[in-house]
Amino acid sequence: MLPATNQRVENHTADSINREIAEQTRRRIQYYASRSTDEISHRINELDHEWDVERALECNASALAFSGVVLSATGDKRWLLLPGIVTGFLFQHALQGWCPPLPILRRLGFRTAAEINEERYALKALRGDFDREFSSAKVSTSPASALASASQ
């Protein structure tokens, strides 16, 4: 059975790395809990431009595949093995959520889109973006409750 799209990368990442990424997110939310709305907005803008692990994999794979094609066209045809291998790994990643560069990228701190969105929505809750939608309910703007709300 294939894993759910939103869980496949985390399922194939070491628990220690997943915990470290989650802890870094918690620390950033805690830090921004005492910052101005302008500072929070600046961080949200940074998150809007952060590359997720999927984008990094796609970029690296396409660069390697393109390089293999160019090298085979200008030199030895055996370079066509490179795009063949890379596309095989991309296919494996699409199905299972794992490929050889994934552990390296995760150790480098690349997060999934869901992990980035978790921080984004927690910061939006701290900034008060959802106050009107929940004005009739008591909404806490503590970092822990913001993160909990974003995780749901």
N, C-alpha and C. Protein backbone atom coordinates (compact mmCIF):
# COMPACT_ATOMS: atom_id res chain seq x y z
N MET A 1 0.84 -1.18 0.00
CA MET A 1 0.00 0.00 0.00
C MET A 1 0.89 1.24 0.00
N LEU A 2 0.51 2.22 -0.77
CA LEU A 2 1.26 3.47 -0.86
C LEU A 2 0.90 4.39 0.30
N PRO A 3 1.90 5.09 0.86
CA PRO A 3 1.61 6.00 1.97
C PRO A 3 0.85 7.23 1.49
N ALA A 4 0.17 7.87 2.43
CA ALA A 4 -0.55 9.12 2.12
C ALA A 4 0.46 10.16 1.66
N THR A 5 0.06 10.98 0.72
CA THR A 5 0.94 12.01 0.15
C THR A 5 1.53 12.91 1.23
N ASN A 6 0.72 13.32 2.19
CA ASN A 6 1.20 14.27 3.19
C ASN A 6 2.04 13.63 4.29
N GLN A 7 2.25 12.31 4.23
CA GLN A 7 3.02 11.63 5.26
C GLN A 7 4.22 10.87 4.72
N ARG A 8 4.34 10.78 3.41
CA ARG A 8 5.35 9.88 2.86
C ARG A 8 6.77 10.30 3.14
N VAL A 9 7.08 11.58 3.13
CA VAL A 9 8.46 12.02 3.41
C VAL A 9 8.78 11.81 4.89
N GLU A 10 7.88 12.22 5.77
CA GLU A 10 8.12 12.03 7.20
C GLU A 10 8.26 10.55 7.55
N ASN A 11 7.48 9.69 6.89
CA ASN A 11 7.57 8.26 7.15
C ASN A 11 8.93 7.68 6.77
N HIS A 12 9.61 8.32 5.83
CA HIS A 12 10.91 7.82 5.37
C HIS A 12 12.07 8.69 5.86
N THR A 13 11.82 9.46 6.89
CA THR A 13 12.85 10.29 7.51
C THR A 13 13.07 9.76 8.92
N ALA A 14 14.31 9.74 9.34
CA ALA A 14 14.62 9.27 10.69
C ALA A 14 13.83 10.08 11.72
N ASP A 15 13.35 9.39 12.76
CA ASP A 15 12.57 10.05 13.80
C ASP A 15 13.33 11.21 14.43
N SER A 16 14.63 11.05 14.61
CA SER A 16 15.42 12.12 15.23
C SER A 16 15.41 13.38 14.37
N ILE A 17 15.45 13.22 13.06
CA ILE A 17 15.41 14.38 12.16
C ILE A 17 14.03 15.01 12.16
N ASN A 18 12.99 14.19 12.12
CA ASN A 18 11.62 14.72 12.20
C ASN A 18 11.43 15.50 13.50
N ARG A 19 11.94 14.96 14.62
CA ARG A 19 11.81 15.65 15.91
C ARG A 19 12.57 16.97 15.90
N GLU A 20 13.77 16.98 15.32
CA GLU A 20 14.57 18.21 15.27
C GLU A 20 13.88 19.28 14.43
N ILE A 21 13.32 18.89 13.29
CA ILE A 21 12.60 19.85 12.44
C ILE A 21 11.38 20.40 13.19
N ALA A 22 10.64 19.53 13.88
CA ALA A 22 9.47 19.98 14.65
C ALA A 22 9.89 20.89 15.79
N GLU A 23 11.00 20.58 16.45
CA GLU A 23 11.49 21.41 17.56
C GLU A 23 11.93 22.78 17.06
N GLN A 24 12.60 22.83 15.92
CA GLN A 24 13.00 24.11 15.35
C GLN A 24 11.77 24.96 15.03
N THR A 25 10.72 24.32 14.52
CA THR A 25 9.48 25.04 14.22
C THR A 25 8.88 25.59 15.51
N ARG A 26 8.83 24.77 16.56
CA ARG A 26 8.29 25.23 17.85
C ARG A 26 9.09 26.41 18.40
N ARG A 27 10.42 26.32 18.29
CA ARG A 27 11.25 27.42 18.79
C ARG A 27 11.00 28.72 18.01
N ARG A 28 10.84 28.61 16.69
CA ARG A 28 10.58 29.81 15.90
C ARG A 28 9.22 30.42 16.26
N ILE A 29 8.21 29.60 16.46
CA ILE A 29 6.89 30.11 16.83
C ILE A 29 6.96 30.77 18.21
N GLN A 30 7.68 30.15 19.12
CA GLN A 30 7.86 30.72 20.46
C GLN A 30 8.56 32.08 20.36
N TYR A 31 9.57 32.17 19.52
CA TYR A 31 10.30 33.41 19.32
C TYR A 31 9.37 34.50 18.79
N TYR A 32 8.58 34.18 17.79
CA TYR A 32 7.72 35.19 17.16
C TYR A 32 6.49 35.52 17.99
N ALA A 33 6.22 34.74 19.03
CA ALA A 33 5.07 35.02 19.88
C ALA A 33 5.21 36.37 20.59
N SER A 34 6.45 36.80 20.80
CA SER A 34 6.67 38.08 21.48
C SER A 34 7.12 39.18 20.52
N ARG A 35 6.96 38.96 19.23
CA ARG A 35 7.38 39.94 18.23
C ARG A 35 6.19 40.71 17.69
N SER A 36 6.49 41.77 16.99
CA SER A 36 5.43 42.62 16.41
C SER A 36 4.79 41.92 15.22
N THR A 37 3.63 42.44 14.84
CA THR A 37 2.95 41.87 13.68
C THR A 37 3.78 42.07 12.41
N ASP A 38 4.53 43.16 12.34
CA ASP A 38 5.40 43.37 11.18
C ASP A 38 6.48 42.30 11.09
N GLU A 39 7.07 41.96 12.23
CA GLU A 39 8.10 40.91 12.24
C GLU A 39 7.50 39.55 11.87
N ILE A 40 6.32 39.29 12.38
CA ILE A 40 5.63 38.04 12.04
C ILE A 40 5.32 38.01 10.54
N SER A 41 4.85 39.13 10.02
CA SER A 41 4.55 39.21 8.58
C SER A 41 5.80 38.97 7.75
N HIS A 42 6.92 39.50 8.19
CA HIS A 42 8.18 39.29 7.47
C HIS A 42 8.54 37.81 7.47
N ARG A 43 8.34 37.15 8.61
CA ARG A 43 8.64 35.70 8.68
C ARG A 43 7.69 34.92 7.79
N ILE A 44 6.44 35.28 7.75
CA ILE A 44 5.48 34.61 6.87
C ILE A 44 5.89 34.77 5.42
N ASN A 45 6.36 35.95 5.06
CA ASN A 45 6.85 36.18 3.70
C ASN A 45 8.06 35.27 3.41
N GLU A 46 8.94 35.11 4.37
CA GLU A 46 10.08 34.20 4.19
C GLU A 46 9.58 32.77 3.96
N LEU A 47 8.56 32.37 4.72
CA LEU A 47 8.01 31.02 4.56
C LEU A 47 7.38 30.84 3.18
N ASP A 48 6.78 31.91 2.66
CA ASP A 48 6.18 31.84 1.32
C ASP A 48 7.23 31.56 0.25
N HIS A 49 8.48 31.88 0.54
CA HIS A 49 9.57 31.68 -0.43
C HIS A 49 10.49 30.52 -0.08
N GLU A 50 10.21 29.85 1.03
CA GLU A 50 11.05 28.72 1.43
C GLU A 50 10.82 27.53 0.49
N TRP A 51 11.90 26.93 0.06
CA TRP A 51 11.81 25.74 -0.78
C TRP A 51 11.51 24.53 0.08
N ASP A 52 10.47 23.79 -0.29
CA ASP A 52 10.21 22.55 0.42
C ASP A 52 11.07 21.43 -0.18
N VAL A 53 11.07 20.30 0.49
CA VAL A 53 11.93 19.19 0.08
C VAL A 53 11.57 18.67 -1.31
N GLU A 54 10.31 18.72 -1.66
CA GLU A 54 9.89 18.26 -2.99
C GLU A 54 10.50 19.15 -4.08
N ARG A 55 10.45 20.45 -3.87
CA ARG A 55 11.01 21.37 -4.86
C ARG A 55 12.51 21.18 -4.99
N ALA A 56 13.19 20.99 -3.88
CA ALA A 56 14.63 20.77 -3.92
C ALA A 56 14.96 19.48 -4.66
N LEU A 57 14.19 18.42 -4.41
CA LEU A 57 14.41 17.15 -5.12
C LEU A 57 14.18 17.31 -6.62
N GLU A 58 13.09 17.99 -6.98
CA GLU A 58 12.76 18.18 -8.39
C GLU A 58 13.84 18.99 -9.10
N CYS A 59 14.31 20.03 -8.44
CA CYS A 59 15.34 20.88 -9.04
C CYS A 59 16.64 20.11 -9.23
N ASN A 60 17.06 19.40 -8.20
CA ASN A 60 18.30 18.62 -8.30
C ASN A 60 18.19 17.51 -9.33
N ALA A 61 17.06 16.83 -9.35
CA ALA A 61 16.89 15.73 -10.31
C ALA A 61 16.87 16.24 -11.74
N SER A 62 16.17 17.35 -11.96
CA SER A 62 16.12 17.87 -13.34
C SER A 62 17.49 18.38 -13.78
N ALA A 63 18.25 18.97 -12.87
CA ALA A 63 19.61 19.43 -13.22
C ALA A 63 20.50 18.25 -13.58
N LEU A 64 20.41 17.17 -12.82
CA LEU A 64 21.21 15.98 -13.13
C LEU A 64 20.77 15.35 -14.44
N ALA A 65 19.46 15.23 -14.65
CA ALA A 65 18.96 14.63 -15.88
C ALA A 65 19.36 15.46 -17.10
N PHE A 66 19.19 16.77 -17.00
CA PHE A 66 19.58 17.66 -18.10
C PHE A 66 21.08 17.55 -18.37
N SER A 67 21.87 17.50 -17.32
CA SER A 67 23.32 17.36 -17.49
C SER A 67 23.67 16.07 -18.20
N GLY A 68 23.00 14.99 -17.84
CA GLY A 68 23.25 13.72 -18.51
C GLY A 68 22.91 13.75 -19.98
N VAL A 69 21.81 14.40 -20.33
CA VAL A 69 21.41 14.52 -21.73
C VAL A 69 22.43 15.35 -22.50
N VAL A 70 22.84 16.48 -21.94
CA VAL A 70 23.83 17.34 -22.61
C VAL A 70 25.15 16.61 -22.77
N LEU A 71 25.60 15.95 -21.73
CA LEU A 71 26.87 15.21 -21.81
C LEU A 71 26.81 14.07 -22.82
N SER A 72 25.66 13.44 -22.92
CA SER A 72 25.55 12.34 -23.91
C SER A 72 25.50 12.90 -25.33
N ALA A 73 24.90 14.08 -25.50
CA ALA A 73 24.81 14.68 -26.83
C ALA A 73 26.16 15.22 -27.29
N THR A 74 26.98 15.64 -26.36
CA THR A 74 28.28 16.23 -26.72
C THR A 74 29.45 15.29 -26.52
N GLY A 75 29.17 14.13 -25.98
CA GLY A 75 30.28 13.20 -25.69
C GLY A 75 29.81 11.76 -25.74
N ASP A 76 30.02 11.09 -24.67
CA ASP A 76 29.76 9.66 -24.56
C ASP A 76 28.27 9.40 -24.29
N LYS A 77 27.68 8.52 -25.08
CA LYS A 77 26.25 8.19 -24.94
C LYS A 77 25.95 7.50 -23.61
N ARG A 78 26.96 6.99 -22.96
CA ARG A 78 26.73 6.32 -21.67
C ARG A 78 26.24 7.29 -20.61
N TRP A 79 26.41 8.60 -20.85
CA TRP A 79 25.89 9.59 -19.92
C TRP A 79 24.37 9.54 -19.83
N LEU A 80 23.71 8.88 -20.80
CA LEU A 80 22.25 8.74 -20.73
C LEU A 80 21.82 7.86 -19.55
N LEU A 81 22.73 7.14 -18.97
CA LEU A 81 22.41 6.38 -17.76
C LEU A 81 22.02 7.31 -16.62
N LEU A 82 22.66 8.47 -16.56
CA LEU A 82 22.37 9.42 -15.47
C LEU A 82 20.90 9.85 -15.46
N PRO A 83 20.34 10.35 -16.57
CA PRO A 83 18.92 10.70 -16.50
C PRO A 83 18.02 9.49 -16.26
N GLY A 84 18.44 8.33 -16.75
CA GLY A 84 17.65 7.12 -16.50
C GLY A 84 17.59 6.79 -15.02
N ILE A 85 18.71 6.88 -14.35
CA ILE A 85 18.76 6.58 -12.91
C ILE A 85 17.99 7.64 -12.13
N VAL A 86 18.20 8.89 -12.48
CA VAL A 86 17.55 9.99 -11.76
C VAL A 86 16.03 9.90 -11.90
N THR A 87 15.53 9.64 -13.10
CA THR A 87 14.07 9.56 -13.25
C THR A 87 13.51 8.34 -12.51
N GLY A 88 14.30 7.28 -12.44
CA GLY A 88 13.87 6.12 -11.64
C GLY A 88 13.72 6.48 -10.17
N PHE A 89 14.70 7.25 -9.65
CA PHE A 89 14.62 7.69 -8.26
C PHE A 89 13.44 8.64 -8.04
N LEU A 90 13.18 9.51 -9.02
CA LEU A 90 12.03 10.42 -8.90
C LEU A 90 10.72 9.63 -8.86
N PHE A 91 10.64 8.61 -9.69
CA PHE A 91 9.45 7.76 -9.71
C PHE A 91 9.28 7.06 -8.36
N GLN A 92 10.37 6.55 -7.83
CA GLN A 92 10.34 5.90 -6.52
C GLN A 92 9.87 6.89 -5.45
N HIS A 93 10.38 8.10 -5.52
CA HIS A 93 9.97 9.11 -4.55
C HIS A 93 8.48 9.44 -4.68
N ALA A 94 8.01 9.55 -5.91
CA ALA A 94 6.59 9.86 -6.13
C ALA A 94 5.69 8.79 -5.52
N LEU A 95 6.11 7.54 -5.62
CA LEU A 95 5.29 6.46 -5.10
C LEU A 95 5.47 6.25 -3.60
N GLN A 96 6.72 6.20 -3.15
CA GLN A 96 6.99 5.82 -1.77
C GLN A 96 7.32 6.98 -0.85
N GLY A 97 7.83 8.06 -1.41
CA GLY A 97 8.25 9.18 -0.57
C GLY A 97 9.71 9.09 -0.17
N TRP A 98 10.46 8.20 -0.80
CA TRP A 98 11.88 8.06 -0.49
C TRP A 98 12.68 8.00 -1.78
N CYS A 99 13.87 8.56 -1.75
CA CYS A 99 14.87 8.41 -2.79
C CYS A 99 16.22 8.74 -2.14
N PRO A 100 17.34 8.35 -2.75
CA PRO A 100 18.63 8.51 -2.09
C PRO A 100 18.97 9.91 -1.57
N PRO A 101 18.63 11.00 -2.27
CA PRO A 101 19.00 12.31 -1.72
C PRO A 101 18.13 12.78 -0.55
N LEU A 102 17.00 12.14 -0.33
CA LEU A 102 16.06 12.61 0.69
C LEU A 102 16.68 12.71 2.08
N PRO A 103 17.38 11.70 2.58
CA PRO A 103 17.96 11.84 3.93
C PRO A 103 18.94 13.02 4.03
N ILE A 104 19.67 13.26 2.97
CA ILE A 104 20.63 14.38 2.97
C ILE A 104 19.88 15.71 3.04
N LEU A 105 18.86 15.86 2.20
CA LEU A 105 18.10 17.10 2.18
C LEU A 105 17.39 17.35 3.51
N ARG A 106 16.86 16.30 4.11
CA ARG A 106 16.18 16.45 5.40
C ARG A 106 17.18 16.85 6.49
N ARG A 107 18.38 16.25 6.46
CA ARG A 107 19.41 16.64 7.43
C ARG A 107 19.84 18.09 7.24
N LEU A 108 19.77 18.56 6.01
CA LEU A 108 20.10 19.96 5.72
C LEU A 108 18.98 20.91 6.16
N GLY A 109 17.84 20.35 6.57
CA GLY A 109 16.75 21.17 7.09
C GLY A 109 15.62 21.44 6.13
N PHE A 110 15.63 20.81 4.96
CA PHE A 110 14.51 21.00 4.04
C PHE A 110 13.26 20.36 4.64
N ARG A 111 12.19 21.13 4.66
CA ARG A 111 10.94 20.67 5.25
C ARG A 111 9.93 20.35 4.17
N THR A 112 8.92 19.61 4.56
CA THR A 112 7.82 19.34 3.63
C THR A 112 6.94 20.58 3.57
N ALA A 113 6.10 20.65 2.55
CA ALA A 113 5.15 21.76 2.44
C ALA A 113 4.24 21.79 3.66
N ALA A 114 3.84 20.63 4.16
CA ALA A 114 2.98 20.58 5.34
C ALA A 114 3.68 21.15 6.56
N GLU A 115 4.96 20.86 6.71
CA GLU A 115 5.72 21.39 7.85
C GLU A 115 5.86 22.91 7.76
N ILE A 116 6.08 23.41 6.55
CA ILE A 116 6.18 24.85 6.35
C ILE A 116 4.82 25.50 6.63
N ASN A 117 3.75 24.89 6.13
CA ASN A 117 2.41 25.44 6.35
C ASN A 117 2.03 25.44 7.82
N GLU A 118 2.50 24.44 8.55
CA GLU A 118 2.20 24.38 9.99
C GLU A 118 2.75 25.64 10.68
N GLU A 119 3.98 26.00 10.36
CA GLU A 119 4.56 27.21 10.93
C GLU A 119 3.82 28.45 10.44
N ARG A 120 3.52 28.49 9.14
CA ARG A 120 2.84 29.65 8.55
C ARG A 120 1.50 29.91 9.26
N TYR A 121 0.69 28.87 9.44
CA TYR A 121 -0.62 29.08 10.02
C TYR A 121 -0.56 29.36 11.52
N ALA A 122 0.44 28.81 12.20
CA ALA A 122 0.62 29.15 13.61
C ALA A 122 0.97 30.63 13.74
N LEU A 123 1.84 31.12 12.86
CA LEU A 123 2.20 32.54 12.90
C LEU A 123 1.01 33.43 12.53
N LYS A 124 0.21 32.98 11.58
CA LYS A 124 -0.98 33.76 11.23
C LYS A 124 -1.95 33.82 12.41
N ALA A 125 -2.05 32.73 13.16
CA ALA A 125 -2.90 32.74 14.35
C ALA A 125 -2.34 33.71 15.38
N LEU A 126 -1.02 33.72 15.57
CA LEU A 126 -0.41 34.67 16.50
C LEU A 126 -0.61 36.10 16.05
N ARG A 127 -0.58 36.33 14.76
CA ARG A 127 -0.75 37.67 14.21
C ARG A 127 -2.20 38.14 14.32
N GLY A 128 -3.11 37.20 14.51
CA GLY A 128 -4.52 37.55 14.66
C GLY A 128 -5.34 37.43 13.40
N ASP A 129 -4.80 36.75 12.40
CA ASP A 129 -5.51 36.64 11.12
C ASP A 129 -6.86 35.96 11.24
N PHE A 130 -7.03 35.11 12.23
CA PHE A 130 -8.26 34.32 12.32
C PHE A 130 -9.20 34.85 13.39
N ASP A 131 -8.88 35.99 13.97
CA ASP A 131 -9.70 36.52 15.06
C ASP A 131 -11.14 36.76 14.65
N ARG A 132 -11.35 37.32 13.46
CA ARG A 132 -12.73 37.58 13.01
C ARG A 132 -13.50 36.29 12.81
N GLU A 133 -12.84 35.27 12.24
CA GLU A 133 -13.53 34.01 11.99
C GLU A 133 -13.94 33.33 13.28
N PHE A 134 -13.18 33.57 14.35
CA PHE A 134 -13.44 32.90 15.61
C PHE A 134 -13.80 33.88 16.72
N SER A 135 -14.35 35.03 16.35
CA SER A 135 -14.61 36.07 17.34
C SER A 135 -15.61 35.61 18.41
N SER A 136 -16.49 34.71 18.07
CA SER A 136 -17.46 34.26 19.06
C SER A 136 -16.88 33.21 19.99
N ALA A 137 -15.78 32.60 19.59
CA ALA A 137 -15.14 31.59 20.43
C ALA A 137 -13.90 32.20 21.07
N LYS A 138 -13.53 31.66 22.20
CA LYS A 138 -12.29 32.11 22.83
C LYS A 138 -11.14 31.46 22.09
N VAL A 139 -10.28 32.27 21.50
CA VAL A 139 -9.12 31.77 20.77
C VAL A 139 -7.88 32.25 21.50
N SER A 140 -7.05 31.30 21.89
CA SER A 140 -5.81 31.64 22.56
C SER A 140 -4.73 31.93 21.53
N THR A 141 -3.93 32.92 21.80
CA THR A 141 -2.84 33.24 20.89
C THR A 141 -1.49 32.83 21.47
N SER A 142 -1.50 31.83 22.36
CA SER A 142 -0.23 31.34 22.87
C SER A 142 0.46 30.53 21.78
N PRO A 143 1.78 30.47 21.79
CA PRO A 143 2.50 29.71 20.77
C PRO A 143 2.08 28.24 20.72
N ALA A 144 1.89 27.64 21.88
CA ALA A 144 1.52 26.22 21.91
C ALA A 144 0.15 25.99 21.29
N SER A 145 -0.82 26.86 21.62
CA SER A 145 -2.16 26.66 21.03
C SER A 145 -2.17 27.02 19.56
N ALA A 146 -1.36 27.99 19.16
CA ALA A 146 -1.26 28.34 17.73
C ALA A 146 -0.70 27.17 16.94
N LEU A 147 0.34 26.54 17.47
CA LEU A 147 0.93 25.39 16.80
C LEU A 147 -0.03 24.23 16.79
N ALA A 148 -0.73 24.00 17.88
CA ALA A 148 -1.70 22.91 17.94
C ALA A 148 -2.82 23.11 16.93
N SER A 149 -3.30 24.36 16.82
CA SER A 149 -4.36 24.66 15.86
C SER A 149 -3.87 24.45 14.43
N ALA A 150 -2.64 24.83 14.16
CA ALA A 150 -2.10 24.70 12.82
C ALA A 150 -1.87 23.25 12.45
N SER A 151 -1.65 22.40 13.44
CA SER A 151 -1.36 20.99 13.19
C SER A 151 -2.61 20.20 12.86
N GLN A 152 -3.77 20.76 13.13
CA GLN A 152 -5.01 19.99 12.94
C GLN A 152 -5.50 20.03 11.52
